[in-house]
Amino acid sequence: MNSDQQMFEHIQELKEKHNAVILAHYYQDPEIQDLADFVGDSLELSRKAAGTSADVILFCGVHFMAETAKIVNPSKKVLLPDMDAGCSLADSAPPGEFKEWLKQFPNHVVISYINCSADVKAMSDIICTSANAKKVIESVPKDKKIVFAPDRLLGQYMIKETGREMVLWNGTCQVHEIFSEKALVTLKAKNPQASVLAHPECDENILIHSDFIGSTSAIIKYVKNSKEQSHIIVTEPGVIHQMQKNNPSKTFIPLPSNTGCACNECPHMRLNTMEKIIDSLESLQHEITLDEEVRLKALKPLNRMLEIV
């Protein structure tokens, strides 16, 4: 029995001992995705977190995701294997600065992308994910003005998709904003039969070259249903693991960043490891706690999102 197998079995024992469930985002390392009870994108994980009967939720993702699980499950113990697993996009909207900024737009509906802190969610009217942003925006009456935060690039894409004018907070995801257009053009020339699948958090100079633009789950679904045998993937490459498992005969090519690295991994997502999962479950450490007033305020826009979609 190898060490990975031993760790896997030990994690299963700890899960049974604590009645725990492991939720993992598509951007986690492959071995973590394979041991998780459920793998999904932000919307899918929000739904799973809201519906679980487990006493303990171990969230293999980043801090805002674990916070979201705690918001919808106040009585459950929510753990994050590494408390330093943050998010550049969430960090781009400090609650104090965001609160002051919103004072300029008193009559606006505040739509916040789920990649934000609980405090920012608490100042929002509706939460959205990349999978449902268009539907959420279109649910707002046309005579209402909209603030969209914190992802400026997703907001710009949604303005084009919905035709709605929106005030945008100037935040971006460090993974999706640094993909190389030059590398994409080169890859397309070398792989003319490959379709380009991009996440809407990417800059417009990337999206204009894409054959399909969608959330992580939408990209996975597109691959499953498409006849193309080769795909250039323009999002965090962790998602390729699930696509390769589901489509073993297809070829997936990750797009490099403009820094020249071979792919573009999220450093925050990769902080979680098998060893840290064991440490967290053994002593039920690294628990997410929230101020109850903030939690209740943040729950309202999350529930509005879940009602809409």
Protein backbone atom coordinates (compact mmCIF):
# COMPACT_ATOMS: atom_id res chain seq x y z
CA MET A 1 0.00 0.00 0.00
CA ASN A 2 1.53 3.33 -0.99
CA SER A 3 1.45 6.46 1.16
CA ASP A 4 -1.23 8.12 -0.99
CA GLN A 5 -3.50 5.12 -0.50
CA GLN A 6 -2.83 5.16 3.24
CA MET A 7 -3.68 8.84 3.44
CA PHE A 8 -6.85 8.28 1.41
CA GLU A 9 -7.99 5.51 3.75
CA HIS A 10 -7.15 7.55 6.84
CA ILE A 11 -9.21 10.46 5.48
CA GLN A 12 -12.16 8.12 4.93
CA GLU A 13 -11.87 6.95 8.56
CA LEU A 14 -11.80 10.54 9.81
CA LYS A 15 -14.82 11.42 7.69
CA GLU A 16 -16.82 8.58 9.23
CA LYS A 17 -15.66 9.48 12.74
CA HIS A 18 -16.80 13.11 12.45
CA ASN A 19 -19.70 12.67 10.00
CA ALA A 20 -17.81 14.93 7.61
CA VAL A 21 -18.25 15.70 3.94
CA ILE A 22 -15.46 16.93 1.67
CA LEU A 23 -16.35 19.50 -0.99
CA ALA A 24 -13.70 20.37 -3.57
CA HIS A 25 -13.50 22.96 -6.29
CA TYR A 26 -12.48 22.00 -9.82
CA TYR A 27 -9.24 23.97 -9.37
CA GLN A 28 -7.91 21.67 -6.64
CA ASP A 29 -5.10 19.19 -7.29
CA PRO A 30 -6.29 15.94 -8.93
CA GLU A 31 -5.78 13.75 -5.85
CA ILE A 32 -7.97 16.08 -3.79
CA GLN A 33 -10.69 16.07 -6.44
CA ASP A 34 -10.60 12.27 -6.46
CA LEU A 35 -11.07 11.91 -2.69
CA ALA A 36 -13.82 14.55 -2.42
CA ASP A 37 -17.46 13.58 -1.95
CA PHE A 38 -18.43 16.26 -4.43
CA VAL A 39 -16.47 18.32 -6.95
CA GLY A 40 -18.00 21.41 -8.50
CA ASP A 41 -17.83 25.09 -9.34
CA SER A 42 -18.92 27.88 -7.01
CA LEU A 43 -22.64 27.57 -7.78
CA GLU A 44 -22.70 23.78 -7.53
CA LEU A 45 -20.73 23.85 -4.28
CA SER A 46 -23.06 26.49 -2.81
CA ARG A 47 -26.02 24.23 -3.49
CA LYS A 48 -24.26 21.19 -2.03
CA ALA A 49 -23.23 23.10 1.07
CA ALA A 50 -26.80 24.28 1.60
CA GLY A 51 -28.20 20.76 1.33
CA THR A 52 -25.70 18.61 3.21
CA SER A 53 -26.69 16.58 6.28
CA ALA A 54 -23.08 16.23 7.46
CA ASP A 55 -22.00 17.71 10.79
CA VAL A 56 -18.63 18.82 9.42
CA ILE A 57 -17.90 20.38 6.02
CA LEU A 58 -14.28 20.31 4.95
CA PHE A 59 -13.98 22.74 2.06
CA CYS A 60 -11.11 22.19 -0.36
CA GLY A 61 -11.14 25.54 -2.05
CA VAL A 62 -10.39 29.06 -0.90
CA HIS A 63 -11.54 31.17 2.02
CA PHE A 64 -14.60 32.85 0.49
CA MET A 65 -15.97 29.44 -0.54
CA ALA A 66 -15.69 28.10 2.99
CA GLU A 67 -17.29 31.28 4.28
CA THR A 68 -20.19 30.73 1.90
CA ALA A 69 -20.66 27.22 3.27
CA LYS A 70 -20.73 28.64 6.80
CA ILE A 71 -23.22 31.35 5.82
CA VAL A 72 -25.75 28.75 4.71
CA ASN A 73 -24.85 26.25 7.46
CA PRO A 74 -24.43 28.18 10.74
CA SER A 75 -24.86 25.13 12.95
CA LYS A 76 -22.22 23.06 11.13
CA LYS A 77 -18.48 23.09 11.61
CA VAL A 78 -16.85 24.32 8.40
CA LEU A 79 -13.13 23.68 7.96
CA LEU A 80 -10.58 24.97 5.47
CA PRO A 81 -7.39 22.88 5.26
CA ASP A 82 -5.19 25.97 4.89
CA MET A 83 -6.48 29.25 6.28
CA ASP A 84 -4.05 31.13 4.02
CA ALA A 85 -5.92 29.90 0.94
CA GLY A 86 -7.30 33.27 -0.03
CA CYS A 87 -8.42 34.76 -3.34
CA SER A 88 -6.91 37.68 -5.23
CA LEU A 89 -10.33 38.70 -6.50
CA ALA A 90 -11.95 38.65 -3.06
CA ASP A 91 -8.96 40.52 -1.63
CA SER A 92 -9.37 43.22 -4.29
CA ALA A 93 -12.52 44.42 -2.49
CA PRO A 94 -11.63 45.30 1.12
CA PRO A 95 -14.94 45.70 3.02
CA GLY A 96 -14.15 49.17 4.35
CA GLU A 97 -13.22 50.56 0.95
CA PHE A 98 -16.18 48.83 -0.66
CA LYS A 99 -18.58 50.34 1.87
CA GLU A 100 -17.29 53.85 1.21
CA TRP A 101 -17.39 53.33 -2.56
CA LEU A 102 -21.02 52.18 -2.46
CA LYS A 103 -22.05 55.49 -0.89
CA GLN A 104 -21.66 57.03 -4.36
CA PHE A 105 -24.45 54.81 -5.71
CA PRO A 106 -27.31 54.89 -3.17
CA ASN A 107 -30.09 53.89 -5.57
CA HIS A 108 -28.32 50.99 -7.24
CA VAL A 109 -28.94 47.27 -6.94
CA VAL A 110 -25.69 45.75 -5.74
CA ILE A 111 -24.83 42.46 -7.46
CA SER A 112 -21.70 40.82 -6.09
CA TYR A 113 -19.87 37.94 -7.68
CA ILE A 114 -19.60 35.08 -5.19
CA ASN A 115 -15.79 35.52 -5.19
CA CYS A 116 -15.95 38.06 -2.37
CA SER A 117 -15.80 38.11 1.41
CA ALA A 118 -18.78 37.58 3.72
CA ASP A 119 -18.59 41.27 4.62
CA VAL A 120 -18.98 42.30 0.97
CA LYS A 121 -21.81 39.81 0.51
CA ALA A 122 -23.51 41.43 3.51
CA MET A 123 -23.48 44.76 1.65
CA SER A 124 -24.99 43.24 -1.49
CA ASP A 125 -28.54 42.78 -2.76
CA ILE A 126 -27.92 39.64 -4.85
CA ILE A 127 -24.98 37.27 -5.26
CA CYS A 128 -24.12 35.65 -8.59
CA THR A 129 -21.63 33.16 -10.00
CA SER A 130 -20.16 33.03 -13.49
CA ALA A 131 -22.70 30.28 -14.22
CA ASN A 132 -25.74 32.43 -13.43
CA ALA A 133 -24.56 36.06 -13.67
CA LYS A 134 -26.57 36.77 -16.82
CA LYS A 135 -29.76 35.37 -15.31
CA VAL A 136 -29.26 37.29 -12.08
CA ILE A 137 -28.62 40.57 -13.91
CA GLU A 138 -31.66 40.06 -16.13
CA SER A 139 -33.79 39.51 -13.01
CA VAL A 140 -33.24 43.14 -12.03
CA PRO A 141 -35.95 45.47 -13.39
CA LYS A 142 -34.65 47.54 -16.29
CA ASP A 143 -35.46 50.81 -14.52
CA LYS A 144 -33.05 49.90 -11.71
CA LYS A 145 -29.38 50.87 -11.86
CA ILE A 146 -26.80 48.20 -11.06
CA VAL A 147 -23.46 48.04 -9.30
CA PHE A 148 -21.46 44.92 -10.17
CA ALA A 149 -18.52 43.81 -8.03
CA PRO A 150 -15.79 42.79 -7.59
CA ASP A 151 -14.77 41.36 -11.00
CA ARG A 152 -14.41 44.11 -13.58
CA LEU A 153 -13.70 41.72 -16.47
CA LEU A 154 -16.72 39.53 -15.77
CA GLY A 155 -18.76 42.72 -15.43
CA GLN A 156 -17.58 43.98 -18.81
CA TYR A 157 -18.51 40.69 -20.42
CA MET A 158 -21.95 40.75 -18.77
CA ILE A 159 -22.59 44.29 -20.01
CA LYS A 160 -22.12 42.97 -23.55
CA GLU A 161 -24.21 39.88 -22.88
CA THR A 162 -27.16 41.63 -21.21
CA GLY A 163 -27.06 45.13 -22.69
CA ARG A 164 -27.34 46.54 -19.18
CA GLU A 165 -25.17 49.44 -18.09
CA MET A 166 -23.47 48.70 -14.78
CA VAL A 167 -21.05 50.46 -12.48
CA LEU A 168 -18.06 48.16 -12.01
CA TRP A 169 -15.70 47.69 -9.09
CA ASN A 170 -12.12 47.47 -10.38
CA GLY A 171 -11.15 43.95 -9.29
CA THR A 172 -9.73 41.01 -11.24
CA CYS A 173 -8.69 37.38 -10.79
CA GLN A 174 -4.92 36.98 -10.94
CA VAL A 175 -5.27 33.69 -12.82
CA HIS A 176 -7.64 34.82 -15.55
CA GLU A 177 -6.27 38.31 -16.17
CA ILE A 178 -2.76 37.20 -17.19
CA PHE A 179 -3.44 34.73 -19.98
CA SER A 180 -1.33 35.49 -23.01
CA GLU A 181 -3.11 36.55 -26.19
CA LYS A 182 0.09 35.95 -28.16
CA ALA A 183 0.31 32.39 -26.82
CA LEU A 184 -3.36 31.81 -27.63
CA VAL A 185 -2.94 32.95 -31.24
CA THR A 186 0.13 30.72 -31.55
CA LEU A 187 -1.68 27.70 -30.07
CA LYS A 188 -4.63 28.21 -32.42
CA ALA A 189 -2.27 28.32 -35.40
CA LYS A 190 -0.55 25.10 -34.28
CA ASN A 191 -3.85 23.40 -33.42
CA PRO A 192 -6.38 24.67 -36.00
CA GLN A 193 -8.89 21.91 -35.16
CA ALA A 194 -8.94 22.76 -31.44
CA SER A 195 -11.78 24.78 -29.99
CA VAL A 196 -10.93 27.56 -27.55
CA LEU A 197 -12.91 27.39 -24.30
CA ALA A 198 -12.60 30.41 -22.01
CA HIS A 199 -13.88 31.56 -18.65
CA PRO A 200 -15.67 34.95 -18.65
CA GLU A 201 -13.26 36.29 -16.01
CA CYS A 202 -10.69 36.58 -18.83
CA ASP A 203 -9.87 39.86 -20.54
CA GLU A 204 -11.65 40.76 -23.77
CA ASN A 205 -8.44 40.27 -25.78
CA ILE A 206 -8.72 36.58 -24.87
CA LEU A 207 -12.48 36.22 -25.18
CA ILE A 208 -12.55 37.52 -28.77
CA HIS A 209 -10.55 34.46 -29.85
CA SER A 210 -12.79 31.98 -28.01
CA ASP A 211 -15.25 29.52 -29.50
CA PHE A 212 -17.09 29.10 -26.21
CA ILE A 213 -17.26 31.30 -23.11
CA GLY A 214 -18.72 29.92 -19.92
CA SER A 215 -18.33 29.00 -16.28
CA THR A 216 -16.17 26.07 -15.25
CA SER A 217 -19.16 23.73 -15.17
CA ALA A 218 -20.38 25.05 -18.52
CA ILE A 219 -16.97 24.39 -20.09
CA ILE A 220 -17.00 20.83 -18.75
CA LYS A 221 -20.48 20.31 -20.19
CA TYR A 222 -19.45 21.77 -23.54
CA VAL A 223 -16.53 19.35 -23.81
CA LYS A 224 -18.75 16.39 -23.01
CA ASN A 225 -21.27 17.30 -25.71
CA SER A 226 -18.92 18.55 -28.42
CA LYS A 227 -17.65 16.56 -31.37
CA GLU A 228 -14.29 18.30 -31.35
CA GLN A 229 -11.44 16.11 -30.14
CA SER A 230 -9.05 18.87 -29.11
CA HIS A 231 -9.61 21.87 -26.85
CA ILE A 232 -7.52 24.82 -25.72
CA ILE A 233 -8.49 25.49 -22.10
CA VAL A 234 -8.44 29.11 -20.96
CA THR A 235 -9.09 28.85 -17.25
CA GLU A 236 -7.34 27.35 -14.22
CA PRO A 237 -5.89 24.04 -15.47
CA GLY A 238 -7.15 22.03 -12.50
CA VAL A 239 -10.41 21.64 -14.41
CA ILE A 240 -8.64 19.53 -17.03
CA HIS A 241 -8.53 16.60 -14.58
CA GLN A 242 -12.30 16.16 -14.63
CA MET A 243 -12.53 16.70 -18.38
CA GLN A 244 -9.82 14.11 -19.02
CA LYS A 245 -11.54 11.60 -16.74
CA ASN A 246 -14.85 12.11 -18.52
CA ASN A 247 -13.36 12.31 -22.02
CA PRO A 248 -10.20 10.14 -22.07
CA SER A 249 -9.89 10.17 -25.86
CA LYS A 250 -9.85 13.97 -26.12
CA THR A 251 -6.86 16.31 -25.97
CA PHE A 252 -6.72 19.32 -23.64
CA ILE A 253 -4.17 22.09 -24.04
CA PRO A 254 -3.78 24.61 -21.17
CA LEU A 255 -3.11 28.19 -22.24
CA PRO A 256 0.09 29.70 -20.79
CA SER A 257 0.10 32.99 -18.94
CA ASN A 258 1.90 36.09 -20.15
CA THR A 259 4.68 35.31 -17.67
CA GLY A 260 5.75 32.40 -19.85
CA CYS A 261 4.88 29.49 -17.55
CA ALA A 262 3.44 26.36 -19.15
CA CYS A 263 0.05 26.78 -17.49
CA ASN A 264 -1.64 29.14 -15.07
CA GLU A 265 -2.40 27.56 -11.70
CA CYS A 266 -4.07 29.43 -8.85
CA PRO A 267 -1.47 29.57 -6.05
CA HIS A 268 -4.18 29.94 -3.41
CA MET A 269 -6.10 26.85 -4.50
CA ARG A 270 -2.89 24.82 -4.49
CA LEU A 271 -2.20 25.52 -0.81
CA ASN A 272 -4.55 22.69 0.19
CA THR A 273 -2.86 19.28 0.38
CA MET A 274 -3.73 15.75 1.48
CA GLU A 275 -1.58 16.23 4.58
CA LYS A 276 -3.40 19.43 5.53
CA ILE A 277 -6.76 17.72 5.03
CA ILE A 278 -5.72 15.03 7.50
CA ASP A 279 -4.44 17.60 10.02
CA SER A 280 -7.67 19.58 9.77
CA LEU A 281 -9.93 16.53 10.17
CA GLU A 282 -7.91 14.94 12.97
CA SER A 283 -8.33 17.89 15.33
CA LEU A 284 -11.19 19.71 13.57
CA GLN A 285 -8.94 22.74 13.24
CA HIS A 286 -8.97 25.72 10.87
CA GLU A 287 -12.65 26.38 11.49
CA ILE A 288 -14.47 29.20 9.71
CA THR A 289 -16.26 31.56 12.11
CA LEU A 290 -18.47 34.51 11.22
CA ASP A 291 -20.10 37.35 13.09
CA GLU A 292 -23.78 36.40 13.26
CA GLU A 293 -25.00 39.81 12.13
CA VAL A 294 -22.73 39.66 9.08
CA ARG A 295 -23.77 36.08 8.38
CA LEU A 296 -27.48 36.92 8.41
CA LYS A 297 -26.96 39.93 6.14
CA ALA A 298 -24.86 37.85 3.74
CA LEU A 299 -27.43 35.04 3.74
CA LYS A 300 -30.14 37.21 2.20
CA PRO A 301 -28.41 37.91 -1.15
CA LEU A 302 -27.22 34.29 -1.33
CA ASN A 303 -30.78 33.07 -0.87
CA ARG A 304 -31.97 35.50 -3.52
CA MET A 305 -29.47 33.98 -5.94
CA LEU A 306 -30.57 30.45 -5.13
CA GLU A 307 -34.22 31.45 -5.59
CA ILE A 308 -33.50 33.00 -9.00
CA VAL A 309 -31.55 30.04 -10.36
